[in-house]
Amino acid sequence: MKATIWHNPACSTSRKALAILQDVPGIELSVVEYLKTPPSADKLAQLYRDAGLTPAQGLRTRNTDAVQRGLTSADEATVLAAMVAEPVLIERPLVETGKGVRLCRPLERIHEIL
């Protein structure tokens, strides 16, 4: 099974999700450090759609200025553009497998797509 994790090595939840993926036999894992290589707006839109989330639900509000900027109530295109421009606004970790996409908060959600 192929799996991709949009990973932030500074985040303990993201590191734990990566460790879970690395321990699953047969996983062909792709690790994207999204702060260095942000996904496109189209890719983010697809990830959130496949996860059953709106871009605003995938917005990181902790330790960011997202709320002050009004991004929590902005339209999807504005939220996605902000995330692409400032990937720190992307909540992590996002994991995609052939079984779907999950924003793995809480971490246990990763098991739904393994």
N, C-alpha and C. Protein backbone atom coordinates (compact mmCIF):
# COMPACT_ATOMS: atom_id res chain seq x y z
N MET A 1 0.83 -1.17 0.00
CA MET A 1 0.00 0.00 0.00
C MET A 1 0.88 1.24 0.00
N LYS A 2 0.51 2.23 -0.81
CA LYS A 2 1.21 3.50 -0.84
C LYS A 2 0.60 4.42 0.22
N ALA A 3 1.47 5.22 0.83
CA ALA A 3 1.02 6.20 1.81
C ALA A 3 1.88 7.44 1.68
N THR A 4 1.25 8.58 1.85
CA THR A 4 1.96 9.86 1.86
C THR A 4 1.59 10.58 3.14
N ILE A 5 2.59 11.11 3.80
CA ILE A 5 2.36 11.93 4.99
C ILE A 5 2.91 13.32 4.72
N TRP A 6 2.09 14.32 4.99
CA TRP A 6 2.52 15.71 4.95
C TRP A 6 2.99 15.98 6.37
N HIS A 7 4.29 16.08 6.53
CA HIS A 7 4.97 15.94 7.80
C HIS A 7 5.70 17.20 8.21
N ASN A 8 5.68 17.44 9.52
CA ASN A 8 6.49 18.50 10.13
C ASN A 8 7.33 17.82 11.20
N PRO A 9 8.63 17.68 10.99
CA PRO A 9 9.47 16.97 11.95
C PRO A 9 9.51 17.62 13.33
N ALA A 10 9.13 18.88 13.45
CA ALA A 10 9.11 19.56 14.74
C ALA A 10 7.87 19.23 15.56
N CYS A 11 6.90 18.56 14.96
CA CYS A 11 5.62 18.26 15.60
C CYS A 11 5.63 16.84 16.14
N SER A 12 5.37 16.67 17.44
CA SER A 12 5.41 15.33 18.03
C SER A 12 4.31 14.43 17.47
N THR A 13 3.12 14.97 17.20
CA THR A 13 2.05 14.15 16.62
C THR A 13 2.44 13.69 15.22
N SER A 14 3.04 14.56 14.46
CA SER A 14 3.48 14.19 13.12
C SER A 14 4.58 13.12 13.18
N ARG A 15 5.50 13.25 14.12
CA ARG A 15 6.55 12.24 14.28
C ARG A 15 5.97 10.89 14.67
N LYS A 16 4.97 10.90 15.55
CA LYS A 16 4.32 9.65 15.96
C LYS A 16 3.58 9.01 14.79
N ALA A 17 2.90 9.82 13.98
CA ALA A 17 2.21 9.29 12.81
C ALA A 17 3.20 8.67 11.83
N LEU A 18 4.32 9.33 11.63
CA LEU A 18 5.36 8.80 10.75
C LEU A 18 5.88 7.47 11.28
N ALA A 19 6.10 7.37 12.57
CA ALA A 19 6.58 6.12 13.17
C ALA A 19 5.57 4.99 12.96
N ILE A 20 4.28 5.29 13.10
CA ILE A 20 3.25 4.28 12.86
C ILE A 20 3.33 3.79 11.42
N LEU A 21 3.42 4.71 10.49
CA LEU A 21 3.50 4.34 9.07
C LEU A 21 4.75 3.52 8.78
N GLN A 22 5.86 3.88 9.39
CA GLN A 22 7.11 3.16 9.15
C GLN A 22 7.06 1.74 9.71
N ASP A 23 6.20 1.51 10.69
CA ASP A 23 6.09 0.18 11.31
C ASP A 23 5.11 -0.75 10.60
N VAL A 24 4.35 -0.22 9.64
CA VAL A 24 3.37 -1.05 8.93
C VAL A 24 4.07 -1.79 7.80
N PRO A 25 4.05 -3.13 7.84
CA PRO A 25 4.69 -3.89 6.77
C PRO A 25 4.04 -3.61 5.41
N GLY A 26 4.85 -3.50 4.39
CA GLY A 26 4.34 -3.35 3.04
C GLY A 26 3.96 -1.93 2.65
N ILE A 27 4.18 -0.95 3.50
CA ILE A 27 3.86 0.44 3.16
C ILE A 27 4.98 1.02 2.29
N GLU A 28 4.58 1.56 1.17
CA GLU A 28 5.50 2.32 0.32
C GLU A 28 5.28 3.78 0.69
N LEU A 29 6.16 4.31 1.52
CA LEU A 29 5.93 5.60 2.18
C LEU A 29 6.63 6.75 1.48
N SER A 30 5.87 7.82 1.29
CA SER A 30 6.40 9.07 0.78
C SER A 30 6.21 10.11 1.89
N VAL A 31 7.30 10.77 2.26
CA VAL A 31 7.27 11.78 3.31
C VAL A 31 7.49 13.14 2.67
N VAL A 32 6.52 14.03 2.84
CA VAL A 32 6.62 15.38 2.30
C VAL A 32 6.72 16.35 3.47
N GLU A 33 7.85 17.00 3.60
CA GLU A 33 7.99 18.04 4.61
C GLU A 33 7.34 19.29 4.03
N TYR A 34 6.07 19.46 4.36
CA TYR A 34 5.25 20.47 3.70
C TYR A 34 5.70 21.90 3.98
N LEU A 35 6.47 22.13 5.04
CA LEU A 35 6.98 23.49 5.27
C LEU A 35 8.04 23.84 4.24
N LYS A 36 8.76 22.82 3.74
CA LYS A 36 9.78 23.03 2.71
C LYS A 36 9.18 22.91 1.32
N THR A 37 8.22 22.01 1.16
CA THR A 37 7.60 21.74 -0.14
C THR A 37 6.09 21.76 0.04
N PRO A 38 5.49 22.95 0.06
CA PRO A 38 4.04 23.01 0.29
C PRO A 38 3.25 22.42 -0.88
N PRO A 39 2.13 21.77 -0.56
CA PRO A 39 1.27 21.29 -1.64
C PRO A 39 0.60 22.46 -2.35
N SER A 40 0.17 22.22 -3.56
CA SER A 40 -0.55 23.25 -4.31
C SER A 40 -1.94 23.43 -3.72
N ALA A 41 -2.59 24.51 -4.08
CA ALA A 41 -3.98 24.73 -3.64
C ALA A 41 -4.88 23.61 -4.13
N ASP A 42 -4.65 23.15 -5.36
CA ASP A 42 -5.47 22.04 -5.90
C ASP A 42 -5.26 20.76 -5.10
N LYS A 43 -4.01 20.46 -4.73
CA LYS A 43 -3.72 19.26 -3.96
C LYS A 43 -4.34 19.36 -2.57
N LEU A 44 -4.22 20.51 -1.94
CA LEU A 44 -4.83 20.70 -0.62
C LEU A 44 -6.35 20.55 -0.70
N ALA A 45 -6.95 21.14 -1.71
CA ALA A 45 -8.41 21.03 -1.88
C ALA A 45 -8.81 19.57 -2.02
N GLN A 46 -8.05 18.80 -2.79
CA GLN A 46 -8.32 17.37 -2.97
C GLN A 46 -8.17 16.61 -1.66
N LEU A 47 -7.11 16.91 -0.91
CA LEU A 47 -6.89 16.23 0.37
C LEU A 47 -8.04 16.48 1.33
N TYR A 48 -8.45 17.73 1.45
CA TYR A 48 -9.54 18.05 2.38
C TYR A 48 -10.86 17.45 1.90
N ARG A 49 -11.09 17.51 0.61
CA ARG A 49 -12.32 16.91 0.06
C ARG A 49 -12.35 15.41 0.38
N ASP A 50 -11.23 14.73 0.13
CA ASP A 50 -11.16 13.29 0.37
C ASP A 50 -11.23 12.95 1.87
N ALA A 51 -10.84 13.89 2.72
CA ALA A 51 -10.92 13.68 4.17
C ALA A 51 -12.29 14.07 4.72
N GLY A 52 -13.14 14.66 3.87
CA GLY A 52 -14.45 15.09 4.33
C GLY A 52 -14.38 16.35 5.17
N LEU A 53 -13.38 17.18 4.90
CA LEU A 53 -13.17 18.42 5.64
C LEU A 53 -13.23 19.63 4.71
N THR A 54 -13.53 20.76 5.28
CA THR A 54 -13.37 22.01 4.54
C THR A 54 -11.95 22.50 4.78
N PRO A 55 -11.43 23.36 3.90
CA PRO A 55 -10.11 23.91 4.17
C PRO A 55 -10.03 24.62 5.53
N ALA A 56 -11.09 25.28 5.94
CA ALA A 56 -11.08 25.95 7.24
C ALA A 56 -10.91 24.94 8.38
N GLN A 57 -11.44 23.73 8.21
CA GLN A 57 -11.28 22.70 9.23
C GLN A 57 -9.85 22.15 9.26
N GLY A 58 -9.12 22.32 8.19
CA GLY A 58 -7.73 21.89 8.12
C GLY A 58 -6.75 23.01 8.42
N LEU A 59 -7.27 24.12 8.89
CA LEU A 59 -6.46 25.30 9.17
C LEU A 59 -5.86 25.20 10.57
N ARG A 60 -4.58 25.41 10.68
CA ARG A 60 -3.94 25.42 11.99
C ARG A 60 -4.14 26.79 12.61
N THR A 61 -4.81 26.80 13.74
CA THR A 61 -5.07 28.07 14.44
C THR A 61 -4.13 28.25 15.63
N ARG A 62 -3.65 27.15 16.18
CA ARG A 62 -2.73 27.23 17.31
C ARG A 62 -1.37 27.72 16.86
N ASN A 63 -0.86 28.72 17.54
CA ASN A 63 0.47 29.30 17.25
C ASN A 63 0.55 29.92 15.86
N THR A 64 -0.59 30.37 15.32
CA THR A 64 -0.62 31.10 14.06
C THR A 64 -1.52 32.32 14.24
N ASP A 65 -1.54 33.16 13.22
CA ASP A 65 -2.42 34.33 13.26
C ASP A 65 -3.69 34.12 12.42
N ALA A 66 -4.05 32.86 12.20
CA ALA A 66 -5.19 32.55 11.33
C ALA A 66 -6.49 33.18 11.82
N VAL A 67 -6.75 33.14 13.11
CA VAL A 67 -7.98 33.71 13.65
C VAL A 67 -7.97 35.23 13.48
N GLN A 68 -6.88 35.87 13.84
CA GLN A 68 -6.77 37.32 13.73
C GLN A 68 -6.95 37.80 12.29
N ARG A 69 -6.54 36.99 11.35
CA ARG A 69 -6.66 37.34 9.93
C ARG A 69 -8.03 37.01 9.36
N GLY A 70 -8.88 36.40 10.16
CA GLY A 70 -10.23 36.06 9.70
C GLY A 70 -10.28 34.83 8.81
N LEU A 71 -9.24 34.02 8.82
CA LEU A 71 -9.20 32.87 7.92
C LEU A 71 -10.17 31.77 8.32
N THR A 72 -10.56 31.71 9.58
CA THR A 72 -11.48 30.66 10.01
C THR A 72 -12.87 30.83 9.41
N SER A 73 -13.18 32.03 8.96
CA SER A 73 -14.48 32.27 8.33
C SER A 73 -14.35 32.73 6.88
N ALA A 74 -13.16 32.63 6.33
CA ALA A 74 -12.93 33.06 4.94
C ALA A 74 -13.40 31.97 3.97
N ASP A 75 -13.56 32.37 2.71
CA ASP A 75 -13.96 31.39 1.69
C ASP A 75 -12.81 30.43 1.41
N GLU A 76 -13.15 29.28 0.81
CA GLU A 76 -12.17 28.21 0.59
C GLU A 76 -10.94 28.67 -0.19
N ALA A 77 -11.15 29.45 -1.24
CA ALA A 77 -10.02 29.88 -2.07
C ALA A 77 -9.05 30.74 -1.26
N THR A 78 -9.57 31.59 -0.39
CA THR A 78 -8.72 32.45 0.44
C THR A 78 -7.93 31.62 1.43
N VAL A 79 -8.59 30.64 2.05
CA VAL A 79 -7.91 29.78 3.03
C VAL A 79 -6.82 28.97 2.33
N LEU A 80 -7.14 28.38 1.21
CA LEU A 80 -6.15 27.58 0.48
C LEU A 80 -4.96 28.43 0.03
N ALA A 81 -5.23 29.63 -0.47
CA ALA A 81 -4.15 30.52 -0.90
C ALA A 81 -3.25 30.89 0.27
N ALA A 82 -3.84 31.13 1.43
CA ALA A 82 -3.05 31.45 2.62
C ALA A 82 -2.18 30.28 3.03
N MET A 83 -2.73 29.06 2.94
CA MET A 83 -1.97 27.86 3.31
C MET A 83 -0.80 27.63 2.36
N VAL A 84 -1.01 27.85 1.09
CA VAL A 84 0.06 27.67 0.11
C VAL A 84 1.16 28.71 0.34
N ALA A 85 0.75 29.95 0.61
CA ALA A 85 1.71 31.03 0.83
C ALA A 85 2.45 30.86 2.16
N GLU A 86 1.74 30.34 3.16
CA GLU A 86 2.31 30.17 4.50
C GLU A 86 1.94 28.78 5.01
N PRO A 87 2.70 27.75 4.63
CA PRO A 87 2.33 26.38 4.96
C PRO A 87 2.25 26.09 6.46
N VAL A 88 2.76 26.97 7.30
CA VAL A 88 2.60 26.80 8.75
C VAL A 88 1.12 26.79 9.13
N LEU A 89 0.26 27.31 8.25
CA LEU A 89 -1.18 27.34 8.49
C LEU A 89 -1.86 25.99 8.24
N ILE A 90 -1.14 25.03 7.70
CA ILE A 90 -1.69 23.71 7.43
C ILE A 90 -1.60 22.87 8.71
N GLU A 91 -2.75 22.39 9.19
CA GLU A 91 -2.73 21.50 10.36
C GLU A 91 -2.16 20.17 9.94
N ARG A 92 -1.42 19.56 10.85
CA ARG A 92 -0.74 18.32 10.54
C ARG A 92 -1.01 17.29 11.61
N PRO A 93 -0.71 16.05 11.26
CA PRO A 93 -0.27 15.52 9.97
C PRO A 93 -1.45 15.08 9.11
N LEU A 94 -1.34 15.34 7.84
CA LEU A 94 -2.27 14.80 6.85
C LEU A 94 -1.65 13.52 6.30
N VAL A 95 -2.44 12.47 6.24
CA VAL A 95 -1.97 11.19 5.71
C VAL A 95 -2.94 10.72 4.65
N GLU A 96 -2.38 10.30 3.51
CA GLU A 96 -3.18 9.80 2.39
C GLU A 96 -2.74 8.40 2.04
N THR A 97 -3.72 7.48 1.93
CA THR A 97 -3.45 6.12 1.45
C THR A 97 -4.53 5.81 0.41
N GLY A 98 -4.45 4.62 -0.14
CA GLY A 98 -5.48 4.18 -1.07
C GLY A 98 -6.85 4.07 -0.43
N LYS A 99 -6.91 4.05 0.89
CA LYS A 99 -8.18 3.94 1.61
C LYS A 99 -8.75 5.29 2.01
N GLY A 100 -8.03 6.38 1.72
CA GLY A 100 -8.56 7.70 2.04
C GLY A 100 -7.52 8.64 2.60
N VAL A 101 -8.01 9.76 3.11
CA VAL A 101 -7.17 10.80 3.69
C VAL A 101 -7.69 11.11 5.09
N ARG A 102 -6.78 11.31 6.00
CA ARG A 102 -7.16 11.72 7.35
C ARG A 102 -6.22 12.80 7.85
N LEU A 103 -6.81 13.76 8.53
CA LEU A 103 -6.05 14.69 9.36
C LEU A 103 -5.93 13.96 10.68
N CYS A 104 -4.75 13.53 11.02
CA CYS A 104 -4.56 12.58 12.12
C CYS A 104 -4.44 13.28 13.47
N ARG A 105 -5.48 14.00 13.80
CA ARG A 105 -5.69 14.61 15.12
C ARG A 105 -7.10 14.26 15.51
N PRO A 106 -7.30 13.34 16.40
CA PRO A 106 -6.28 12.64 17.17
C PRO A 106 -5.53 11.61 16.32
N LEU A 107 -4.38 11.25 16.82
CA LEU A 107 -3.47 10.36 16.10
C LEU A 107 -4.12 9.04 15.70
N GLU A 108 -5.03 8.54 16.51
CA GLU A 108 -5.67 7.25 16.25
C GLU A 108 -6.40 7.21 14.91
N ARG A 109 -6.74 8.36 14.36
CA ARG A 109 -7.47 8.40 13.08
C ARG A 109 -6.66 7.78 11.95
N ILE A 110 -5.35 7.70 12.12
CA ILE A 110 -4.51 7.11 11.08
C ILE A 110 -4.90 5.66 10.80
N HIS A 111 -5.37 4.94 11.83
CA HIS A 111 -5.73 3.53 11.67
C HIS A 111 -6.95 3.33 10.77
N GLU A 112 -7.75 4.37 10.58
CA GLU A 112 -8.93 4.27 9.72
C GLU A 112 -8.55 4.07 8.24
N ILE A 113 -7.33 4.44 7.88
CA ILE A 113 -6.93 4.34 6.46
C ILE A 113 -5.76 3.41 6.24
N LEU A 114 -5.46 2.59 7.23
CA LEU A 114 -4.37 1.61 7.07
C LEU A 114 -4.93 0.23 6.83
